[in-house]
PDB file of N, CA and C in Angstrom:
ATOM      1  N   MET A   1      -6.836   1.989  10.593  1.00  0.00           N
ATOM      2  CA  MET A   1      -5.744   2.924  10.384  1.00  0.00           C
ATOM      3  C   MET A   1      -4.633   2.252   9.578  1.00  0.00           C
ATOM      4  N   ALA A   2      -4.096   2.977   8.614  1.00  0.00           N
ATOM      5  CA  ALA A   2      -3.008   2.448   7.797  1.00  0.00           C
ATOM      6  C   ALA A   2      -1.758   2.289   8.648  1.00  0.00           C
ATOM      7  N   VAL A   3      -1.036   1.208   8.407  1.00  0.00           N
ATOM      8  CA  VAL A   3       0.175   0.884   9.169  1.00  0.00           C
ATOM      9  C   VAL A   3       1.392   1.324   8.367  1.00  0.00           C
ATOM     10  N   GLN A   4       2.260   2.132   8.977  1.00  0.00           N
ATOM     11  CA  GLN A   4       3.520   2.511   8.334  1.00  0.00           C
ATOM     12  C   GLN A   4       4.472   1.319   8.452  1.00  0.00           C
ATOM     13  N   VAL A   5       4.991   0.858   7.321  1.00  0.00           N
ATOM     14  CA  VAL A   5       5.934  -0.257   7.366  1.00  0.00           C
ATOM     15  C   VAL A   5       7.252   0.164   6.738  1.00  0.00           C
ATOM     16  N   ASN A   6       8.314  -0.531   7.133  1.00  0.00           N
ATOM     17  CA  ASN A   6       9.632  -0.265   6.574  1.00  0.00           C
ATOM     18  C   ASN A   6      10.269  -1.597   6.202  1.00  0.00           C
ATOM     19  N   GLU A   7      11.537  -1.528   5.813  1.00  0.00           N
ATOM     20  CA  GLU A   7      12.198  -2.735   5.336  1.00  0.00           C
ATOM     21  C   GLU A   7      12.288  -3.820   6.409  1.00  0.00           C
ATOM     22  N   SER A   8      12.350  -3.422   7.676  1.00  0.00           N
ATOM     23  CA  SER A   8      12.460  -4.444   8.718  1.00  0.00           C
ATOM     24  C   SER A   8      11.100  -5.011   9.144  1.00  0.00           C
ATOM     25  N   SER A   9      10.008  -4.261   8.951  1.00  0.00           N
ATOM     26  CA  SER A   9       8.695  -4.761   9.368  1.00  0.00           C
ATOM     27  C   SER A   9       7.839  -5.271   8.199  1.00  0.00           C
ATOM     28  N   PHE A  10       8.320  -5.130   6.967  1.00  0.00           N
ATOM     29  CA  PHE A  10       7.526  -5.492   5.783  1.00  0.00           C
ATOM     30  C   PHE A  10       7.134  -6.967   5.780  1.00  0.00           C
ATOM     31  N   LYS A  11       8.094  -7.839   6.080  1.00  0.00           N
ATOM     32  CA  LYS A  11       7.792  -9.279   6.051  1.00  0.00           C
ATOM     33  C   LYS A  11       6.689  -9.617   7.044  1.00  0.00           C
ATOM     34  N   GLN A  12       6.822  -9.128   8.268  1.00  0.00           N
ATOM     35  CA  GLN A  12       5.831  -9.446   9.296  1.00  0.00           C
ATOM     36  C   GLN A  12       4.461  -8.838   8.972  1.00  0.00           C
ATOM     37  N   GLU A  13       4.435  -7.562   8.594  1.00  0.00           N
ATOM     38  CA  GLU A  13       3.163  -6.859   8.385  1.00  0.00           C
ATOM     39  C   GLU A  13       2.470  -7.222   7.069  1.00  0.00           C
ATOM     40  N   VAL A  14       3.266  -7.488   6.026  1.00  0.00           N
ATOM     41  CA  VAL A  14       2.687  -7.710   4.687  1.00  0.00           C
ATOM     42  C   VAL A  14       2.783  -9.165   4.258  1.00  0.00           C
ATOM     43  N   LEU A  15       3.986  -9.675   4.146  1.00  0.00           N
ATOM     44  CA  LEU A  15       4.177 -11.012   3.578  1.00  0.00           C
ATOM     45  C   LEU A  15       3.617 -12.122   4.454  1.00  0.00           C
ATOM     46  N   ASP A  16       3.678 -11.943   5.778  1.00  0.00           N
ATOM     47  CA  ASP A  16       3.188 -12.982   6.685  1.00  0.00           C
ATOM     48  C   ASP A  16       1.747 -12.754   7.138  1.00  0.00           C
ATOM     49  N   SER A  17       1.070 -11.731   6.609  1.00  0.00           N
ATOM     50  CA  SER A  17      -0.295 -11.411   7.032  1.00  0.00           C
ATOM     51  C   SER A  17      -1.283 -12.483   6.566  1.00  0.00           C
ATOM     52  N   THR A  18      -2.232 -12.806   7.439  1.00  0.00           N
ATOM     53  CA  THR A  18      -3.286 -13.753   7.058  1.00  0.00           C
ATOM     54  C   THR A  18      -4.378 -13.036   6.266  1.00  0.00           C
ATOM     55  N   LEU A  19      -4.435 -11.715   6.372  1.00  0.00           N
ATOM     56  CA  LEU A  19      -5.399 -10.915   5.603  1.00  0.00           C
ATOM     57  C   LEU A  19      -4.746 -10.433   4.310  1.00  0.00           C
ATOM     58  N   PRO A  20      -5.552 -10.133   3.278  1.00  0.00           N
ATOM     59  CA  PRO A  20      -4.988  -9.436   2.121  1.00  0.00           C
ATOM     60  C   PRO A  20      -4.457  -8.078   2.592  1.00  0.00           C
ATOM     61  N   VAL A  21      -3.381  -7.608   1.954  1.00  0.00           N
ATOM     62  CA  VAL A  21      -2.766  -6.344   2.356  1.00  0.00           C
ATOM     63  C   VAL A  21      -2.635  -5.423   1.145  1.00  0.00           C
ATOM     64  N   LEU A  22      -3.205  -4.218   1.277  1.00  0.00           N
ATOM     65  CA  LEU A  22      -3.049  -3.187   0.262  1.00  0.00           C
ATOM     66  C   LEU A  22      -1.876  -2.314   0.694  1.00  0.00           C
ATOM     67  N   VAL A  23      -0.807  -2.297  -0.126  1.00  0.00           N
ATOM     68  CA  VAL A  23       0.384  -1.524   0.209  1.00  0.00           C
ATOM     69  C   VAL A  23       0.452  -0.294  -0.686  1.00  0.00           C
ATOM     70  N   ASP A  24       0.576   0.861  -0.050  1.00  0.00           N
ATOM     71  CA  ASP A  24       0.718   2.141  -0.739  1.00  0.00           C
ATOM     72  C   ASP A  24       2.192   2.529  -0.711  1.00  0.00           C
ATOM     73  N   PHE A  25       2.835   2.523  -1.884  1.00  0.00           N
ATOM     74  CA  PHE A  25       4.204   3.028  -2.003  1.00  0.00           C
ATOM     75  C   PHE A  25       4.074   4.510  -2.325  1.00  0.00           C
ATOM     76  N   TRP A  26       4.594   5.375  -1.446  1.00  0.00           N
ATOM     77  CA  TRP A  26       4.354   6.812  -1.530  1.00  0.00           C
ATOM     78  C   TRP A  26       5.590   7.589  -1.069  1.00  0.00           C
ATOM     79  N   ALA A  27       5.505   8.923  -1.166  1.00  0.00           N
ATOM     80  CA  ALA A  27       6.536   9.816  -0.632  1.00  0.00           C
ATOM     81  C   ALA A  27       5.849  11.104  -0.172  1.00  0.00           C
ATOM     82  N   PRO A  28       6.391  11.748   0.870  1.00  0.00           N
ATOM     83  CA  PRO A  28       5.750  12.940   1.429  1.00  0.00           C
ATOM     84  C   PRO A  28       5.684  14.127   0.463  1.00  0.00           C
ATOM     85  N   TRP A  29       6.572  14.189  -0.522  1.00  0.00           N
ATOM     86  CA  TRP A  29       6.600  15.306  -1.460  1.00  0.00           C
ATOM     87  C   TRP A  29       5.656  15.108  -2.649  1.00  0.00           C
ATOM     88  N   CYS A  30       5.009  13.966  -2.732  1.00  0.00           N
ATOM     89  CA  CYS A  30       4.166  13.596  -3.881  1.00  0.00           C
ATOM     90  C   CYS A  30       2.727  14.083  -3.678  1.00  0.00           C
ATOM     91  N   GLY A  31       2.284  15.023  -4.512  1.00  0.00           N
ATOM     92  CA  GLY A  31       0.931  15.575  -4.401  1.00  0.00           C
ATOM     93  C   GLY A  31      -0.167  14.523  -4.503  1.00  0.00           C
ATOM     94  N   PRO A  32      -0.166  13.694  -5.563  1.00  0.00           N
ATOM     95  CA  PRO A  32      -1.198  12.657  -5.665  1.00  0.00           C
ATOM     96  C   PRO A  32      -1.187  11.685  -4.480  1.00  0.00           C
ATOM     97  N   CYS A  33       0.007  11.438  -3.913  1.00  0.00           N
ATOM     98  CA  CYS A  33       0.108  10.563  -2.733  1.00  0.00           C
ATOM     99  C   CYS A  33      -0.647  11.189  -1.562  1.00  0.00           C
ATOM    100  N   LYS A  34      -0.471  12.501  -1.386  1.00  0.00           N
ATOM    101  CA  LYS A  34      -1.154  13.207  -0.306  1.00  0.00           C
ATOM    102  C   LYS A  34      -2.666  13.150  -0.502  1.00  0.00           C
ATOM    103  N   MET A  35      -3.106  13.263  -1.761  1.00  0.00           N
ATOM    104  CA  MET A  35      -4.543  13.187  -2.061  1.00  0.00           C
ATOM    105  C   MET A  35      -5.117  11.823  -1.688  1.00  0.00           C
ATOM    106  N   MET A  36      -4.333  10.781  -1.843  1.00  0.00           N
ATOM    107  CA  MET A  36      -4.816   9.423  -1.593  1.00  0.00           C
ATOM    108  C   MET A  36      -4.811   9.070  -0.108  1.00  0.00           C
ATOM    109  N   GLY A  37      -4.101   9.826   0.722  1.00  0.00           N
ATOM    110  CA  GLY A  37      -4.010   9.540   2.150  1.00  0.00           C
ATOM    111  C   GLY A  37      -5.352   9.346   2.829  1.00  0.00           C
ATOM    112  N   PRO A  38      -6.276  10.323   2.709  1.00  0.00           N
ATOM    113  CA  PRO A  38      -7.591  10.162   3.354  1.00  0.00           C
ATOM    114  C   PRO A  38      -8.388   8.977   2.795  1.00  0.00           C
ATOM    115  N   VAL A  39      -8.230   8.689   1.512  1.00  0.00           N
ATOM    116  CA  VAL A  39      -8.928   7.551   0.892  1.00  0.00           C
ATOM    117  C   VAL A  39      -8.431   6.247   1.522  1.00  0.00           C
ATOM    118  N   LEU A  40      -7.120   6.146   1.705  1.00  0.00           N
ATOM    119  CA  LEU A  40      -6.554   4.937   2.310  1.00  0.00           C
ATOM    120  C   LEU A  40      -6.997   4.773   3.752  1.00  0.00           C
ATOM    121  N   GLU A  41      -7.054   5.876   4.497  1.00  0.00           N
ATOM    122  CA  GLU A  41      -7.508   5.799   5.892  1.00  0.00           C
ATOM    123  C   GLU A  41      -8.971   5.357   5.955  1.00  0.00           C
ATOM    124  N   GLU A  42      -9.778   5.843   5.004  1.00  0.00           N
ATOM    125  CA  GLU A  42     -11.194   5.448   4.944  1.00  0.00           C
ATOM    126  C   GLU A  42     -11.313   3.949   4.662  1.00  0.00           C
ATOM    127  N   ILE A  43     -10.535   3.473   3.700  1.00  0.00           N
ATOM    128  CA  ILE A  43     -10.549   2.040   3.367  1.00  0.00           C
ATOM    129  C   ILE A  43     -10.097   1.225   4.580  1.00  0.00           C
ATOM    130  N   ALA A  44      -9.029   1.672   5.248  1.00  0.00           N
ATOM    131  CA  ALA A  44      -8.514   0.949   6.413  1.00  0.00           C
ATOM    132  C   ALA A  44      -9.589   0.823   7.490  1.00  0.00           C
ATOM    133  N   GLY A  45     -10.353   1.884   7.718  1.00  0.00           N
ATOM    134  CA  GLY A  45     -11.414   1.850   8.722  1.00  0.00           C
ATOM    135  C   GLY A  45     -12.574   0.955   8.316  1.00  0.00           C
ATOM    136  N   GLU A  46     -13.014   1.092   7.067  1.00  0.00           N
ATOM    137  CA  GLU A  46     -14.168   0.327   6.587  1.00  0.00           C
ATOM    138  C   GLU A  46     -13.868  -1.161   6.427  1.00  0.00           C
ATOM    139  N   GLN A  47     -12.627  -1.494   6.094  1.00  0.00           N
ATOM    140  CA  GLN A  47     -12.271  -2.888   5.788  1.00  0.00           C
ATOM    141  C   GLN A  47     -11.560  -3.583   6.950  1.00  0.00           C
ATOM    142  N   GLU A  48     -11.556  -2.962   8.117  1.00  0.00           N
ATOM    143  CA  GLU A  48     -10.848  -3.530   9.263  1.00  0.00           C
ATOM    144  C   GLU A  48     -11.298  -4.968   9.516  1.00  0.00           C
ATOM    145  N   GLY A  49     -10.329  -5.860   9.676  1.00  0.00           N
ATOM    146  CA  GLY A  49     -10.630  -7.264   9.895  1.00  0.00           C
ATOM    147  C   GLY A  49     -10.759  -8.060   8.606  1.00  0.00           C
ATOM    148  N   LYS A  50     -10.876  -7.355   7.458  1.00  0.00           N
ATOM    149  CA  LYS A  50     -10.986  -8.023   6.162  1.00  0.00           C
ATOM    150  C   LYS A  50      -9.796  -7.732   5.260  1.00  0.00           C
ATOM    151  N   LEU A  51      -9.216  -6.541   5.469  1.00  0.00           N
ATOM    152  CA  LEU A  51      -8.129  -6.067   4.613  1.00  0.00           C
ATOM    153  C   LEU A  51      -7.217  -5.176   5.449  1.00  0.00           C
ATOM    154  N   LYS A  52      -5.926  -5.349   5.300  1.00  0.00           N
ATOM    155  CA  LYS A  52      -4.963  -4.498   6.002  1.00  0.00           C
ATOM    156  C   LYS A  52      -4.416  -3.476   5.005  1.00  0.00           C
ATOM    157  N   VAL A  53      -4.236  -2.233   5.455  1.00  0.00           N
ATOM    158  CA  VAL A  53      -3.658  -1.189   4.617  1.00  0.00           C
ATOM    159  C   VAL A  53      -2.315  -0.789   5.213  1.00  0.00           C
ATOM    160  N   CYS A  54      -1.277  -0.837   4.383  1.00  0.00           N
ATOM    161  CA  CYS A  54       0.071  -0.466   4.825  1.00  0.00           C
ATOM    162  C   CYS A  54       0.637   0.588   3.884  1.00  0.00           C
ATOM    163  N   LYS A  55       1.517   1.434   4.427  1.00  0.00           N
ATOM    164  CA  LYS A  55       2.159   2.481   3.648  1.00  0.00           C
ATOM    165  C   LYS A  55       3.671   2.323   3.731  1.00  0.00           C
ATOM    166  N   VAL A  56       4.340   2.434   2.581  1.00  0.00           N
ATOM    167  CA  VAL A  56       5.795   2.354   2.509  1.00  0.00           C
ATOM    168  C   VAL A  56       6.308   3.658   1.905  1.00  0.00           C
ATOM    169  N   ASN A  57       7.088   4.401   2.673  1.00  0.00           N
ATOM    170  CA  ASN A  57       7.714   5.623   2.183  1.00  0.00           C
ATOM    171  C   ASN A  57       8.904   5.195   1.318  1.00  0.00           C
ATOM    172  N   VAL A  58       8.832   5.473  -0.002  1.00  0.00           N
ATOM    173  CA  VAL A  58       9.874   4.994  -0.920  1.00  0.00           C
ATOM    174  C   VAL A  58      11.212   5.692  -0.705  1.00  0.00           C
ATOM    175  N   ASP A  59      11.190   6.934  -0.169  1.00  0.00           N
ATOM    176  CA  ASP A  59      12.447   7.635   0.110  1.00  0.00           C
ATOM    177  C   ASP A  59      13.199   6.981   1.261  1.00  0.00           C
ATOM    178  N   GLU A  60      12.462   6.491   2.257  1.00  0.00           N
ATOM    179  CA  GLU A  60      13.079   5.876   3.429  1.00  0.00           C
ATOM    180  C   GLU A  60      13.336   4.381   3.244  1.00  0.00           C
ATOM    181  N   ASN A  61      12.697   3.780   2.234  1.00  0.00           N
ATOM    182  CA  ASN A  61      12.806   2.328   2.009  1.00  0.00           C
ATOM    183  C   ASN A  61      13.096   2.031   0.536  1.00  0.00           C
ATOM    184  N   PRO A  62      14.226   2.524   0.022  1.00  0.00           N
ATOM    185  CA  PRO A  62      14.505   2.353  -1.414  1.00  0.00           C
ATOM    186  C   PRO A  62      14.659   0.903  -1.842  1.00  0.00           C
ATOM    187  N   ASN A  63      15.111   0.040  -0.937  1.00  0.00           N
ATOM    188  CA  ASN A  63      15.268  -1.374  -1.317  1.00  0.00           C
ATOM    189  C   ASN A  63      13.926  -2.031  -1.599  1.00  0.00           C
ATOM    190  N   LEU A  64      12.897  -1.702  -0.805  1.00  0.00           N
ATOM    191  CA  LEU A  64      11.559  -2.252  -1.054  1.00  0.00           C
ATOM    192  C   LEU A  64      11.012  -1.722  -2.377  1.00  0.00           C
ATOM    193  N   ALA A  65      11.207  -0.430  -2.616  1.00  0.00           N
ATOM    194  CA  ALA A  65      10.730   0.158  -3.874  1.00  0.00           C
ATOM    195  C   ALA A  65      11.396  -0.535  -5.058  1.00  0.00           C
ATOM    196  N   GLN A  66      12.687  -0.773  -4.958  1.00  0.00           N
ATOM    197  CA  GLN A  66      13.411  -1.445  -6.031  1.00  0.00           C
ATOM    198  C   GLN A  66      12.956  -2.895  -6.182  1.00  0.00           C
ATOM    199  N   GLN A  67      12.777  -3.581  -5.065  1.00  0.00           N
ATOM    200  CA  GLN A  67      12.374  -4.990  -5.091  1.00  0.00           C
ATOM    201  C   GLN A  67      11.044  -5.180  -5.818  1.00  0.00           C
ATOM    202  N   TYR A  68      10.122  -4.223  -5.656  1.00  0.00           N
ATOM    203  CA  TYR A  68       8.799  -4.356  -6.282  1.00  0.00           C
ATOM    204  C   TYR A  68       8.661  -3.500  -7.539  1.00  0.00           C
ATOM    205  N   GLY A  69       9.766  -2.998  -8.068  1.00  0.00           N
ATOM    206  CA  GLY A  69       9.774  -2.298  -9.348  1.00  0.00           C
ATOM    207  C   GLY A  69       8.980  -1.003  -9.350  1.00  0.00           C
ATOM    208  N   ILE A  70       9.008  -0.272  -8.235  1.00  0.00           N
ATOM    209  CA  ILE A  70       8.241   0.963  -8.139  1.00  0.00           C
ATOM    210  C   ILE A  70       8.964   2.067  -8.896  1.00  0.00           C
ATOM    211  N   MET A  71       8.357   2.524  -9.996  1.00  0.00           N
ATOM    212  CA  MET A  71       8.929   3.600 -10.811  1.00  0.00           C
ATOM    213  C   MET A  71       8.118   4.881 -10.680  1.00  0.00           C
ATOM    214  N   SER A  72       6.824   4.747 -10.423  1.00  0.00           N
ATOM    215  CA  SER A  72       5.927   5.891 -10.283  1.00  0.00           C
ATOM    216  C   SER A  72       5.139   5.739  -8.998  1.00  0.00           C
ATOM    217  N   ILE A  73       4.823   6.876  -8.361  1.00  0.00           N
ATOM    218  CA  ILE A  73       4.020   6.844  -7.139  1.00  0.00           C
ATOM    219  C   ILE A  73       2.880   7.842  -7.265  1.00  0.00           C
ATOM    220  N   PRO A  74       1.768   7.660  -6.571  1.00  0.00           N
ATOM    221  CA  PRO A  74       1.512   6.527  -5.691  1.00  0.00           C
ATOM    222  C   PRO A  74       1.355   5.231  -6.479  1.00  0.00           C
ATOM    223  N   ASN A  75       1.802   4.163  -5.865  1.00  0.00           N
ATOM    224  CA  ASN A  75       1.757   2.851  -6.482  1.00  0.00           C
ATOM    225  C   ASN A  75       1.173   1.892  -5.451  1.00  0.00           C
ATOM    226  N   PHE A  76       0.090   1.234  -5.816  1.00  0.00           N
ATOM    227  CA  PHE A  76      -0.632   0.369  -4.886  1.00  0.00           C
ATOM    228  C   PHE A  76      -0.507  -1.078  -5.328  1.00  0.00           C
ATOM    229  N   ILE A  77      -0.047  -1.930  -4.419  1.00  0.00           N
ATOM    230  CA  ILE A  77       0.052  -3.360  -4.717  1.00  0.00           C
ATOM    231  C   ILE A  77      -0.772  -4.113  -3.682  1.00  0.00           C
ATOM    232  N   MET A  78      -1.634  -5.004  -4.154  1.00  0.00           N
ATOM    233  CA  MET A  78      -2.421  -5.871  -3.284  1.00  0.00           C
ATOM    234  C   MET A  78      -1.656  -7.172  -3.113  1.00  0.00           C
ATOM    235  N   PHE A  79      -1.379  -7.516  -1.861  1.00  0.00           N
ATOM    236  CA  PHE A  79      -0.699  -8.773  -1.547  1.00  0.00           C
ATOM    237  C   PHE A  79      -1.724  -9.750  -0.976  1.00  0.00           C
ATOM    238  N   LYS A  80      -1.714 -10.966  -1.517  1.00  0.00           N
ATOM    239  CA  LYS A  80      -2.550 -12.039  -0.985  1.00  0.00           C
ATOM    240  C   LYS A  80      -1.644 -13.240  -0.776  1.00  0.00           C
ATOM    241  N   ASP A  81      -1.699 -13.814   0.417  1.00  0.00           N
ATOM    242  CA  ASP A  81      -0.848 -14.951   0.761  1.00  0.00           C
ATOM    243  C   ASP A  81       0.633 -14.638   0.529  1.00  0.00           C
ATOM    244  N   GLY A  82       1.033 -13.401   0.827  1.00  0.00           N
ATOM    245  CA  GLY A  82       2.426 -13.019   0.730  1.00  0.00           C
ATOM    246  C   GLY A  82       2.945 -12.729  -0.661  1.00  0.00           C
ATOM    247  N   LYS A  83       2.049 -12.714  -1.657  1.00  0.00           N
ATOM    248  CA  LYS A  83       2.481 -12.484  -3.034  1.00  0.00           C
ATOM    249  C   LYS A  83       1.683 -11.349  -3.664  1.00  0.00           C
ATOM    250  N   PRO A  84       2.320 -10.538  -4.520  1.00  0.00           N
ATOM    251  CA  PRO A  84       1.583  -9.484  -5.225  1.00  0.00           C
ATOM    252  C   PRO A  84       0.469 -10.102  -6.073  1.00  0.00           C
ATOM    253  N   ALA A  85      -0.752  -9.556  -5.924  1.00  0.00           N
ATOM    254  CA  ALA A  85      -1.902 -10.115  -6.647  1.00  0.00           C
ATOM    255  C   ALA A  85      -2.562  -9.090  -7.559  1.00  0.00           C
ATOM    256  N   GLY A  86      -2.069  -7.864  -7.546  1.00  0.00           N
ATOM    257  CA  GLY A  86      -2.631  -6.824  -8.398  1.00  0.00           C
ATOM    258  C   GLY A  86      -1.947  -5.508  -8.108  1.00  0.00           C
ATOM    259  N   GLN A  87      -1.968  -4.612  -9.104  1.00  0.00           N
ATOM    260  CA  GLN A  87      -1.262  -3.342  -8.935  1.00  0.00           C
ATOM    261  C   GLN A  87      -1.977  -2.238  -9.695  1.00  0.00           C
ATOM    262  N   LYS A  88      -2.011  -1.052  -9.098  1.00  0.00           N
ATOM    263  CA  LYS A  88      -2.544   0.139  -9.755  1.00  0.00           C
ATOM    264  C   LYS A  88      -1.623   1.305  -9.429  1.00  0.00           C
ATOM    265  N   ILE A  89      -1.494   2.227 -10.401  1.00  0.00           N
ATOM    266  CA  ILE A  89      -0.595   3.364 -10.237  1.00  0.00           C
ATOM    267  C   ILE A  89      -1.383   4.656 -10.408  1.00  0.00           C
ATOM    268  N   GLY A  90      -1.108   5.635  -9.539  1.00  0.00           N
ATOM    269  CA  GLY A  90      -1.705   6.965  -9.647  1.00  0.00           C
ATOM    270  C   GLY A  90      -2.888   7.159  -8.724  1.00  0.00           C
ATOM    271  N   ALA A  91      -3.326   8.418  -8.652  1.00  0.00           N
ATOM    272  CA  ALA A  91      -4.488   8.754  -7.831  1.00  0.00           C
ATOM    273  C   ALA A  91      -5.743   8.201  -8.489  1.00  0.00           C
ATOM    274  N   MET A  92      -6.672   7.710  -7.676  1.00  0.00           N
ATOM    275  CA  MET A  92      -7.901   7.112  -8.203  1.00  0.00           C
ATOM    276  C   MET A  92      -8.976   7.141  -7.129  1.00  0.00           C
ATOM    277  N   SER A  93     -10.170   6.741  -7.510  1.00  0.00           N
ATOM    278  CA  SER A  93     -11.276   6.700  -6.554  1.00  0.00           C
ATOM    279  C   SER A  93     -11.120   5.515  -5.622  1.00  0.00           C
ATOM    280  N   LYS A  94     -11.837   5.586  -4.512  1.00  0.00           N
ATOM    281  CA  LYS A  94     -11.837   4.480  -3.542  1.00  0.00           C
ATOM    282  C   LYS A  94     -12.308   3.199  -4.208  1.00  0.00           C
ATOM    283  N   GLU A  95     -13.324   3.310  -5.051  1.00  0.00           N
ATOM    284  CA  GLU A  95     -13.881   2.129  -5.720  1.00  0.00           C
ATOM    285  C   GLU A  95     -12.835   1.472  -6.629  1.00  0.00           C
ATOM    286  N   GLU A  96     -12.098   2.309  -7.376  1.00  0.00           N
ATOM    287  CA  GLU A  96     -11.045   1.764  -8.252  1.00  0.00           C
ATOM    288  C   GLU A  96      -9.989   1.036  -7.436  1.00  0.00           C
ATOM    289  N   LEU A  97      -9.601   1.643  -6.333  1.00  0.00           N
ATOM    290  CA  LEU A  97      -8.586   1.041  -5.479  1.00  0.00           C
ATOM    291  C   LEU A  97      -9.083  -0.277  -4.893  1.00  0.00           C
ATOM    292  N   LEU A  98     -10.328  -0.300  -4.452  1.00  0.00           N
ATOM    293  CA  LEU A  98     -10.889  -1.527  -3.862  1.00  0.00           C
ATOM    294  C   LEU A  98     -11.081  -2.632  -4.903  1.00  0.00           C
ATOM    295  N   SER A  99     -11.071  -2.279  -6.184  1.00  0.00           N
ATOM    296  CA  SER A  99     -11.210  -3.319  -7.215  1.00  0.00           C
ATOM    297  C   SER A  99      -9.993  -4.258  -7.199  1.00  0.00           C
ATOM    298  N   LEU A 100      -8.896  -3.841  -6.579  1.00  0.00           N
ATOM    299  CA  LEU A 100      -7.731  -4.726  -6.424  1.00  0.00           C
ATOM    300  C   LEU A 100      -8.026  -5.871  -5.459  1.00  0.00           C
ATOM    301  N   ALA A 101      -8.909  -5.612  -4.497  1.00  0.00           N
ATOM    302  CA  ALA A 101      -9.230  -6.627  -3.496  1.00  0.00           C
ATOM    303  C   ALA A 101     -10.039  -7.694  -4.150  1.00  0.00           C
TER     304      ALA A 101
END
């Protein structure tokens, strides 16, 4: 299951994670973001123990969005060892998204 993170839990859930973390920067009003929701939940279930999936609502966490230069959503950033290791923007297939891992 994807973990909802905010500005206070981001460091613990993402930056300090021992697993790679796929972070979805999204907003509830974004159509493509809604389309990607089930794909992210599927990835979270299939990759459990190998990859963590987190979601950041950009409306509720504008500082995180600004810190990572989020201009368009959905925006996916793969974090490895606490650092961004890849990024993709927009709705895409599960396979395309997993290519970040």
